Protein backbone atom coordinates (compact mmCIF):
# COMPACT_ATOMS: atom_id res chain seq x y z
CA UNK A 1 83.40 152.33 136.37
CA UNK A 2 84.39 151.30 132.88
CA UNK A 3 86.61 148.58 134.30
CA UNK A 4 83.76 147.19 136.38
CA UNK A 5 81.47 147.23 133.33
CA UNK A 6 84.06 145.37 131.24
CA UNK A 7 84.51 142.78 133.97
CA UNK A 8 80.75 142.32 134.19
CA UNK A 9 80.48 141.78 130.41
CA UNK A 10 83.37 139.30 130.51
CA UNK A 11 81.72 137.38 133.35
CA UNK A 12 78.44 137.23 131.41
CA UNK A 13 80.22 136.00 128.28
CA UNK A 14 82.06 133.27 130.20
CA UNK A 15 78.82 132.22 131.88
CA UNK A 16 77.07 132.01 128.51
CA UNK A 17 79.82 129.82 127.06
CA UNK A 18 79.78 127.55 130.11
CA UNK A 19 76.03 127.16 129.84
CA UNK A 20 76.32 126.33 126.14
CA UNK A 21 78.98 123.69 126.82
CA UNK A 22 76.93 122.22 129.63
CA UNK A 23 73.92 122.05 127.34
CA UNK A 24 75.77 120.40 124.46
CA UNK A 25 77.96 117.93 126.39
CA UNK A 26 75.21 115.50 127.41
CA UNK A 27 74.07 115.23 123.77
CA UNK A 28 77.47 113.97 122.55
CA UNK A 29 77.61 110.98 124.86
CA UNK A 30 74.63 109.00 123.42
CA UNK A 31 75.97 109.60 119.89
CA UNK A 32 79.31 108.06 120.89
CA UNK A 33 77.56 105.06 122.42
CA UNK A 34 75.47 104.63 119.29
CA UNK A 35 78.61 104.65 117.13
CA UNK A 36 80.23 102.00 119.33
CA UNK A 37 77.13 99.81 119.19
CA UNK A 38 77.13 99.74 115.38
CA UNK A 39 80.59 98.15 115.38
CA UNK A 40 79.04 94.91 116.64
CA UNK A 41 76.27 94.92 114.03
CA UNK A 42 76.67 92.95 110.77
CA UNK A 43 77.62 95.00 107.73
CA UNK A 44 74.84 94.92 105.15
CA UNK A 45 75.26 95.96 101.54
CA UNK A 46 71.56 96.59 100.98
CA UNK A 47 71.86 95.51 97.36
CA UNK A 48 74.51 98.12 96.51
CA UNK A 49 77.73 97.02 94.86
CA UNK A 50 80.96 98.02 96.58
CA UNK A 51 82.88 100.92 95.07
CA UNK A 52 86.63 101.67 95.09
CA UNK A 53 87.25 97.96 95.63
CA UNK A 54 90.90 96.95 95.91
CA UNK A 55 93.25 94.44 97.51
CA UNK A 56 95.25 95.34 100.60
CA UNK A 57 97.05 93.53 103.40
CA UNK A 58 96.75 95.20 106.78
CA UNK A 59 96.89 93.99 110.36
CA UNK A 60 93.90 95.33 112.27
CA UNK A 61 92.87 95.38 115.93
CA UNK A 62 89.73 96.69 117.61
CA UNK A 63 89.01 98.03 121.08
CA UNK A 64 88.23 94.51 122.33
CA UNK A 65 91.72 93.35 121.34
CA UNK A 66 90.57 91.14 118.46
CA UNK A 67 93.01 90.89 115.57
CA UNK A 68 92.23 90.28 111.91
CA UNK A 69 93.93 90.72 108.56
CA UNK A 70 92.19 93.02 106.08
CA UNK A 71 92.57 91.79 102.50
CA UNK A 72 90.12 94.12 100.72
CA UNK A 73 89.02 97.71 101.20
CA UNK A 74 85.90 99.24 99.65
CA UNK A 75 83.21 101.89 100.00
CA UNK A 76 79.92 100.26 100.91
CA UNK A 77 76.84 102.39 101.37
CA UNK A 78 79.02 105.45 101.73
CA UNK A 79 81.13 103.88 104.48
CA UNK A 80 84.70 102.58 104.34
CA UNK A 81 84.51 98.80 104.75
CA UNK A 82 87.04 95.99 105.08
CA UNK A 83 86.90 92.34 104.07
CA UNK A 84 88.85 90.60 106.81
CA UNK A 85 90.12 87.13 107.58
CA UNK A 86 90.91 85.72 111.00
CA UNK A 87 94.53 84.54 110.58
CA UNK A 88 93.95 81.66 113.00
CA UNK A 89 90.50 80.34 112.02
CA UNK A 90 90.38 81.53 108.36
CA UNK A 91 86.84 82.84 108.96
CA UNK A 92 86.05 85.97 106.93
CA UNK A 93 83.88 88.95 107.77
CA UNK A 94 82.94 92.42 106.56
CA UNK A 95 83.89 95.12 109.05
CA UNK A 96 83.45 98.88 109.34
CA UNK A 97 86.89 100.41 108.86
CA UNK A 98 86.27 103.06 111.56
CA UNK A 99 85.90 100.30 114.17
CA UNK A 100 89.45 98.99 113.62
CA UNK A 101 92.97 100.36 113.85
CA UNK A 102 94.93 99.05 110.86
CA UNK A 103 98.50 99.20 109.63
CA UNK A 104 100.15 97.78 106.54
CA UNK A 105 101.74 94.38 106.95
CA UNK A 106 103.35 91.78 104.67
CA UNK A 107 103.29 88.08 103.90
CA UNK A 108 106.68 87.73 105.60
CA UNK A 109 105.49 89.45 108.76
CA UNK A 110 102.46 87.14 108.94
CA UNK A 111 104.35 84.00 107.89
CA UNK A 112 103.71 82.14 111.13
CA UNK A 113 99.92 82.49 110.97
CA UNK A 114 97.75 79.59 109.90
CA UNK A 115 96.35 81.71 107.06
CA UNK A 116 99.75 82.41 105.54
CA UNK A 117 100.76 78.78 105.90
CA UNK A 118 97.69 77.86 103.84
CA UNK A 119 98.84 80.30 101.15
CA UNK A 120 102.47 79.19 101.15
CA UNK A 121 104.03 78.55 97.77
CA UNK A 122 105.32 74.97 97.31
CA UNK A 123 108.98 74.34 96.64
CA UNK A 124 109.88 74.48 92.91
CA UNK A 125 109.77 71.12 91.17
CA UNK A 126 111.25 70.78 87.65
CA UNK A 127 108.79 67.97 86.97
CA UNK A 128 105.76 70.23 87.55
CA UNK A 129 103.75 70.43 84.30
CA UNK A 130 103.02 73.79 82.71
CA UNK A 131 99.25 73.29 83.02
CA UNK A 132 98.30 72.41 86.58
CA UNK A 133 95.31 70.25 87.46
CA UNK A 134 93.85 70.26 90.95
CA UNK A 135 96.62 72.47 92.35
CA UNK A 136 96.28 73.79 95.87
CA UNK A 137 94.36 72.29 98.78
CA UNK A 138 92.92 68.96 97.62
CA UNK A 139 92.79 66.99 100.88
CA UNK A 140 92.01 68.18 104.39
CA UNK A 141 93.19 67.33 107.86
CA UNK A 142 91.45 64.94 110.23
CA UNK A 143 88.37 62.74 109.99
CA UNK A 144 85.15 63.21 108.08
CA UNK A 145 84.84 64.99 104.74
CA UNK A 146 84.60 68.52 103.41
CA UNK A 147 81.57 68.73 101.10
CA UNK A 148 81.89 71.23 98.25
CA UNK A 149 79.55 72.02 95.38
CA UNK A 150 80.39 74.00 92.24
CA UNK A 151 77.85 76.44 90.82
CA UNK A 152 79.29 76.95 87.36
CA UNK A 153 77.22 79.05 84.92
CA UNK A 154 74.14 77.01 84.00
CA UNK A 155 70.64 77.61 82.68
CA UNK A 156 69.29 74.68 84.68
CA UNK A 157 67.83 75.17 88.16
CA UNK A 158 69.69 74.53 91.39
CA UNK A 159 69.49 70.92 92.61
CA UNK A 160 67.73 71.80 95.84
CA UNK A 161 67.24 68.14 96.74
CA UNK A 162 70.98 67.83 97.30
CA UNK A 163 71.06 70.80 99.67
CA UNK A 164 67.98 69.52 101.49
CA UNK A 165 69.69 66.14 101.93
CA UNK A 166 72.65 67.95 103.50
CA UNK A 167 70.38 69.97 105.76
CA UNK A 168 68.66 66.78 106.92
CA UNK A 169 71.97 65.63 108.45
CA UNK A 170 71.53 68.15 111.24
CA UNK A 171 71.27 71.91 111.92
CA UNK A 172 74.09 73.98 110.46
CA UNK A 173 75.53 71.23 108.26
CA UNK A 174 78.58 72.82 106.60
CA UNK A 175 79.01 73.02 102.84
CA UNK A 176 81.31 75.10 100.67
CA UNK A 177 79.63 76.40 97.51
CA UNK A 178 81.98 77.58 94.77
CA UNK A 179 79.84 80.19 93.06
CA UNK A 180 80.44 81.91 89.73
CA UNK A 181 79.34 85.43 88.91
CA UNK A 182 77.23 84.41 85.92
CA UNK A 183 75.42 81.78 88.02
CA UNK A 184 74.43 84.50 90.49
CA UNK A 185 73.22 86.77 87.69
CA UNK A 186 71.05 84.04 86.15
CA UNK A 187 69.73 82.41 89.34
CA UNK A 188 68.40 85.14 91.63
CA UNK A 189 65.59 82.92 93.00
CA UNK A 190 67.94 80.01 93.68
CA UNK A 191 70.42 82.36 95.35
CA UNK A 192 67.67 83.75 97.58
CA UNK A 193 66.71 80.19 98.51
CA UNK A 194 70.31 79.39 99.47
CA UNK A 195 70.49 82.54 101.59
CA UNK A 196 67.32 81.46 103.38
CA UNK A 197 68.87 78.08 104.17
CA UNK A 198 71.87 79.84 105.66
CA UNK A 199 69.81 82.42 107.57
CA UNK A 200 67.58 79.73 109.07
CA UNK A 201 70.58 77.77 110.33
CA UNK A 202 69.73 74.74 108.19
CA UNK A 203 73.09 75.02 106.44
CA UNK A 204 76.38 76.72 107.20
CA UNK A 205 77.56 77.89 103.78
CA UNK A 206 81.09 79.01 102.93
CA UNK A 207 80.95 81.07 99.73
CA UNK A 208 83.92 80.18 97.54
CA UNK A 209 84.91 82.32 94.55
CA UNK A 210 84.63 80.31 91.31
CA UNK A 211 85.47 83.19 88.92
CA UNK A 212 82.95 85.46 87.22
CA UNK A 213 82.67 84.11 83.67
CA UNK A 214 84.02 80.57 84.13
CA UNK A 215 85.14 80.44 80.48
CA UNK A 216 85.19 77.01 78.87
CA UNK A 217 85.35 75.74 75.28
CA UNK A 218 85.11 71.96 75.09
CA UNK A 219 87.02 71.67 71.83
CA UNK A 220 90.11 73.45 73.17
CA UNK A 221 92.95 71.90 75.17
CA UNK A 222 93.15 72.87 78.83
CA UNK A 223 96.05 75.23 78.10
CA UNK A 224 93.69 77.39 76.01
CA UNK A 225 90.45 77.31 77.96
CA UNK A 226 89.10 77.86 81.48
CA UNK A 227 91.06 80.75 83.03
CA UNK A 228 93.95 79.99 80.66
CA UNK A 229 91.81 81.34 77.82
CA UNK A 230 93.81 84.09 76.08
CA UNK A 231 92.77 87.56 77.22
CA UNK A 232 91.28 86.56 80.59
CA UNK A 233 91.69 89.27 83.23
CA UNK A 234 92.31 87.30 86.42
CA UNK A 235 91.89 90.29 88.73
CA UNK A 236 88.48 91.03 87.22
CA UNK A 237 87.45 87.37 87.50
CA UNK A 238 88.27 87.50 91.21
CA UNK A 239 87.08 90.97 92.20
CA UNK A 240 83.92 91.17 90.08
CA UNK A 241 82.71 87.94 91.70
CA UNK A 242 83.53 89.18 95.20
CA UNK A 243 81.74 92.47 94.60
CA UNK A 244 78.64 90.68 93.33
CA UNK A 245 78.73 88.34 96.33
CA UNK A 246 78.86 91.28 98.72
CA UNK A 247 76.07 93.13 96.89
CA UNK A 248 73.94 90.01 97.35
CA UNK A 249 74.62 89.80 101.07
CA UNK A 250 77.27 87.05 100.91
CA UNK A 251 80.65 87.20 102.61
CA UNK A 252 83.42 85.90 100.32
CA UNK A 253 85.51 83.19 101.94
CA UNK A 254 89.30 82.96 101.79
CA UNK A 255 89.07 80.24 99.11
CA UNK A 256 89.01 80.19 95.30
CA UNK A 257 88.30 77.21 93.08
CA UNK A 258 89.65 77.33 89.55
CA UNK A 259 87.11 76.40 86.86
CA UNK A 260 87.85 72.81 85.84
CA UNK A 261 90.45 72.88 88.65
CA UNK A 262 92.84 73.97 85.86
CA UNK A 263 95.52 76.62 86.37
CA UNK A 264 99.22 77.29 85.85
CA UNK A 265 102.05 78.78 87.90
CA UNK A 266 101.16 82.37 86.92
CA UNK A 267 97.51 81.98 87.94
CA UNK A 268 98.51 80.37 91.22
CA UNK A 269 100.85 83.27 91.96
CA UNK A 270 98.10 85.78 91.12
CA UNK A 271 95.83 83.99 93.58
CA UNK A 272 98.44 84.16 96.32
CA UNK A 273 99.02 87.87 95.63
CA UNK A 274 95.31 88.40 96.26
CA UNK A 275 95.46 86.24 99.41
CA UNK A 276 93.15 83.45 98.31
CA UNK A 277 93.65 79.74 98.98
CA UNK A 278 93.34 77.52 95.89
CA UNK A 279 90.73 74.85 96.59
CA UNK A 280 90.98 71.52 94.81
CA UNK A 281 89.29 68.17 95.52
CA UNK A 282 90.47 64.59 95.79
CA UNK A 283 87.00 63.05 95.45
CA UNK A 284 85.09 64.38 92.44
CA UNK A 285 82.30 61.85 92.80
CA UNK A 286 81.14 61.84 89.19
CA UNK A 287 84.68 60.86 88.11
CA UNK A 288 85.01 57.95 90.49
CA UNK A 289 87.39 58.53 93.43
CA UNK A 290 85.63 57.37 96.60
CA UNK A 291 85.82 59.70 99.60
CA UNK A 292 88.08 58.80 102.51
CA UNK A 293 88.74 60.56 105.83
CA UNK A 294 89.87 64.09 105.07
CA UNK A 295 88.58 64.07 101.49
CA UNK A 296 87.41 67.27 99.84
CA UNK A 297 84.34 66.00 98.04
CA UNK A 298 83.22 67.71 94.82
CA UNK A 299 79.75 67.63 93.25
CA UNK A 300 77.91 70.01 90.90
CA UNK A 301 74.43 71.00 92.17
CA UNK A 302 73.97 73.41 89.24
CA UNK A 303 71.81 70.98 87.25
CA UNK A 304 74.65 69.78 85.04
CA UNK A 305 75.93 66.72 86.88
CA UNK A 306 73.23 64.53 88.38
CA UNK A 307 75.47 61.43 88.49
CA UNK A 308 77.65 62.86 91.26
CA UNK A 309 74.61 63.85 93.30
CA UNK A 310 73.14 60.35 93.01
CA UNK A 311 76.43 58.83 94.21
CA UNK A 312 76.53 61.28 97.13
CA UNK A 313 72.96 60.40 98.13
CA UNK A 314 73.66 56.65 97.91
CA UNK A 315 76.86 56.80 99.95
CA UNK A 316 75.17 58.96 102.56
CA UNK A 317 72.17 56.64 102.77
CA UNK A 318 74.42 53.59 103.09
CA UNK A 319 76.56 55.17 105.78
CA UNK A 320 79.65 55.01 103.54
CA UNK A 321 80.31 58.74 103.51
CA UNK A 322 82.95 59.48 106.16
CA UNK A 323 81.63 61.56 109.04
CA UNK A 324 81.38 64.22 110.26
CA UNK A 325 80.76 66.77 107.52
CA UNK A 326 83.21 69.57 108.34
CA UNK A 327 83.66 73.23 107.51
CA UNK A 328 86.16 73.98 104.75
CA UNK A 329 88.02 76.43 107.04
CA UNK A 330 89.16 73.40 109.05
CA UNK A 331 90.80 71.73 106.03
CA UNK A 332 94.15 73.58 105.68
């Protein structure tokens, strides 16, 4: 009798557990689907600055088989987030770390990718001066031009007429804007306007790091100013700008433009260590060089250099600006 009673209790217990499992199982499936769906949604900072921000180099794949290189890892809104670059197209994106399977990699392992070729260190040249001017990518491949505008720290308003002229060339006209941290801090309204132009599809903007402080003292030689100013923390100049970009809803590109286009071998090596492509220019319009096919054109729409903007408008109006206008990721 006792044995039968024990068996009956065991049967009831097993039945209860089975019923509980059957009740819970259907609830887990929608949650999994919801998690998968968020992987395709854009990552939004919501105004919060990234925390625990640091450089990495990892090779990552997702369930769809896409492959990217992660160059930064951070906590964003309480979630582990990656800044990634497509090693073939050089396009960057913010991704949820849980949506990717990543493993450490190296420059040598990725040497054959287009991204690593763009970062490749040139062969040593004894004639190379100590202070470098316009080092890095200064001329692009193919026809047309690569339009770039520097937003150095300035108290003057953004030259919106220049951006509107670009937008009038057709939907999604590409432009690379080299943006400094202090410009973002001082120009919230102008930054919002630029984001609206990008969101509307009027412009396709690549956000280039232009350092945070953009130090410059006119009376000093180049070897003692810009980012060669004694005491400059290059990592902070890079990362503080990237973090502010991300907090403002911008995705940092894989490019960095040195203030004044002035650097040296140590700064160039620091840039490569952080997996950023140095962006120069062979047609700084205010200084005279006329653009030719493949030129990286430089103007300053920060209110400080109207001469270059007037030249750009005239050449565009006269049909003397090489076409098409192309995205900076096509230049390397």
